[in-house]
Amino acid sequence: PCLAPDQVEAILAAAKCVTFGAGEHIITQGAPAGPMYILLSGRAEVLVEAGGQITPVAKIGPGECIGEVSVLT
């Protein structure tokens, strides 16, 4: 694991659960940086827009995170 148990506990204490519906955007390309999300259940597809074309580049599932770059920068 990349985090010690006490670090995980600190993150969980500050975390907020949110629910997204099918087809709902979690993060939009080009939008200002926002929070990091960790999927607890379900799946999400990562899409990238370039030159007017939308291309799926990944699928993420429970335990995986998105938006971490904004947290790290």
C-alpha atoms as a PDB file:
ATOM      1  CA  PRO A   1       0.000   0.000   0.000  1.00  0.00           C
ATOM      2  CA  CYS A   2       1.129   3.541  -0.735  1.00  0.00           C
ATOM      3  CA  LEU A   3      -0.399   4.963   2.459  1.00  0.00           C
ATOM      4  CA  ALA A   4       0.044   4.003   6.083  1.00  0.00           C
ATOM      5  CA  PRO A   5      -3.118   2.998   7.991  1.00  0.00           C
ATOM      6  CA  ASP A   6      -3.145   6.296   9.928  1.00  0.00           C
ATOM      7  CA  GLN A   7      -2.938   8.234   6.660  1.00  0.00           C
ATOM      8  CA  VAL A   8      -5.912   6.293   5.267  1.00  0.00           C
ATOM      9  CA  GLU A   9      -7.876   7.024   8.456  1.00  0.00           C
ATOM     10  CA  ALA A  10      -7.106  10.760   8.160  1.00  0.00           C
ATOM     11  CA  ILE A  11      -8.351  10.796   4.564  1.00  0.00           C
ATOM     12  CA  LEU A  12     -11.512   8.874   5.463  1.00  0.00           C
ATOM     13  CA  ALA A  13     -12.263  11.298   8.297  1.00  0.00           C
ATOM     14  CA  ALA A  14     -12.258  14.196   5.819  1.00  0.00           C
ATOM     15  CA  ALA A  15     -13.967  12.342   2.965  1.00  0.00           C
ATOM     16  CA  LYS A  16     -17.495  12.885   1.703  1.00  0.00           C
ATOM     17  CA  CYS A  17     -19.534  10.238  -0.138  1.00  0.00           C
ATOM     18  CA  VAL A  18     -21.249  11.329  -3.343  1.00  0.00           C
ATOM     19  CA  THR A  19     -23.334   9.299  -5.775  1.00  0.00           C
ATOM     20  CA  PHE A  20     -23.240   9.605  -9.550  1.00  0.00           C
ATOM     21  CA  GLY A  21     -25.810   8.145 -11.914  1.00  0.00           C
ATOM     22  CA  ALA A  22     -25.266   6.271 -15.151  1.00  0.00           C
ATOM     23  CA  GLY A  23     -23.922   8.608 -17.833  1.00  0.00           C
ATOM     24  CA  GLU A  24     -23.275  11.426 -15.383  1.00  0.00           C
ATOM     25  CA  HIS A  25     -19.920  13.203 -15.696  1.00  0.00           C
ATOM     26  CA  ILE A  26     -17.677  13.015 -12.643  1.00  0.00           C
ATOM     27  CA  ILE A  27     -14.809  15.108 -14.015  1.00  0.00           C
ATOM     28  CA  THR A  28     -14.876  17.063 -17.276  1.00  0.00           C
ATOM     29  CA  GLN A  29     -11.776  17.457 -19.419  1.00  0.00           C
ATOM     30  CA  GLY A  30     -10.483  21.031 -19.343  1.00  0.00           C
ATOM     31  CA  ALA A  31     -12.469  22.005 -16.233  1.00  0.00           C
ATOM     32  CA  PRO A  32     -10.620  23.552 -13.283  1.00  0.00           C
ATOM     33  CA  ALA A  33      -8.986  21.020 -10.967  1.00  0.00           C
ATOM     34  CA  GLY A  34     -11.300  19.632  -8.331  1.00  0.00           C
ATOM     35  CA  PRO A  35     -11.461  16.824  -5.817  1.00  0.00           C
ATOM     36  CA  MET A  36     -10.092  13.314  -6.035  1.00  0.00           C
ATOM     37  CA  TYR A  37     -12.642  10.497  -6.169  1.00  0.00           C
ATOM     38  CA  ILE A  38     -12.258   6.881  -5.083  1.00  0.00           C
ATOM     39  CA  LEU A  39     -14.856   4.534  -6.520  1.00  0.00           C
ATOM     40  CA  LEU A  40     -16.517   2.444  -3.840  1.00  0.00           C
ATOM     41  CA  SER A  41     -18.816   0.586  -6.217  1.00  0.00           C
ATOM     42  CA  GLY A  42     -19.754   0.528  -9.874  1.00  0.00           C
ATOM     43  CA  ARG A  43     -17.603   1.335 -12.874  1.00  0.00           C
ATOM     44  CA  ALA A  44     -16.626   4.513 -14.683  1.00  0.00           C
ATOM     45  CA  GLU A  45     -15.324   5.028 -18.188  1.00  0.00           C
ATOM     46  CA  VAL A  46     -12.578   7.562 -18.890  1.00  0.00           C
ATOM     47  CA  LEU A  47     -13.139   9.471 -22.138  1.00  0.00           C
ATOM     48  CA  VAL A  48     -10.745  11.886 -23.836  1.00  0.00           C
ATOM     49  CA  GLU A  49     -11.805  14.490 -26.413  1.00  0.00           C
ATOM     50  CA  ALA A  50      -9.322  15.486 -29.101  1.00  0.00           C
ATOM     51  CA  GLY A  51     -10.042  17.067 -32.458  1.00  0.00           C
ATOM     52  CA  GLY A  52     -13.773  16.697 -32.000  1.00  0.00           C
ATOM     53  CA  GLN A  53     -13.490  12.947 -31.404  1.00  0.00           C
ATOM     54  CA  ILE A  54     -14.313  11.324 -28.065  1.00  0.00           C
ATOM     55  CA  THR A  55     -12.241   8.232 -27.349  1.00  0.00           C
ATOM     56  CA  PRO A  56     -12.596   5.816 -24.422  1.00  0.00           C
ATOM     57  CA  VAL A  57      -9.168   5.316 -22.835  1.00  0.00           C
ATOM     58  CA  ALA A  58      -9.842   3.377 -19.620  1.00  0.00           C
ATOM     59  CA  LYS A  59     -12.427   1.854 -17.330  1.00  0.00           C
ATOM     60  CA  ILE A  60     -12.083   2.081 -13.583  1.00  0.00           C
ATOM     61  CA  GLY A  61     -13.756   0.135 -10.826  1.00  0.00           C
ATOM     62  CA  PRO A  62     -14.022  -0.141  -7.054  1.00  0.00           C
ATOM     63  CA  GLY A  63     -10.886   0.920  -5.193  1.00  0.00           C
ATOM     64  CA  GLU A  64      -9.521   2.933  -8.110  1.00  0.00           C
ATOM     65  CA  CYS A  65      -9.277   6.703  -8.091  1.00  0.00           C
ATOM     66  CA  ILE A  66      -9.587   9.602 -10.501  1.00  0.00           C
ATOM     67  CA  GLY A  67      -8.738  13.266 -10.110  1.00  0.00           C
ATOM     68  CA  GLU A  68      -5.641  12.512  -8.052  1.00  0.00           C
ATOM     69  CA  VAL A  69      -3.481  14.737 -10.253  1.00  0.00           C
ATOM     70  CA  SER A  70      -5.321  17.818  -8.970  1.00  0.00           C
ATOM     71  CA  VAL A  71      -4.653  16.716  -5.406  1.00  0.00           C
ATOM     72  CA  LEU A  72      -0.967  16.146  -6.085  1.00  0.00           C
ATOM     73  CA  THR A  73      -0.457  19.446  -7.910  1.00  0.00           C
END
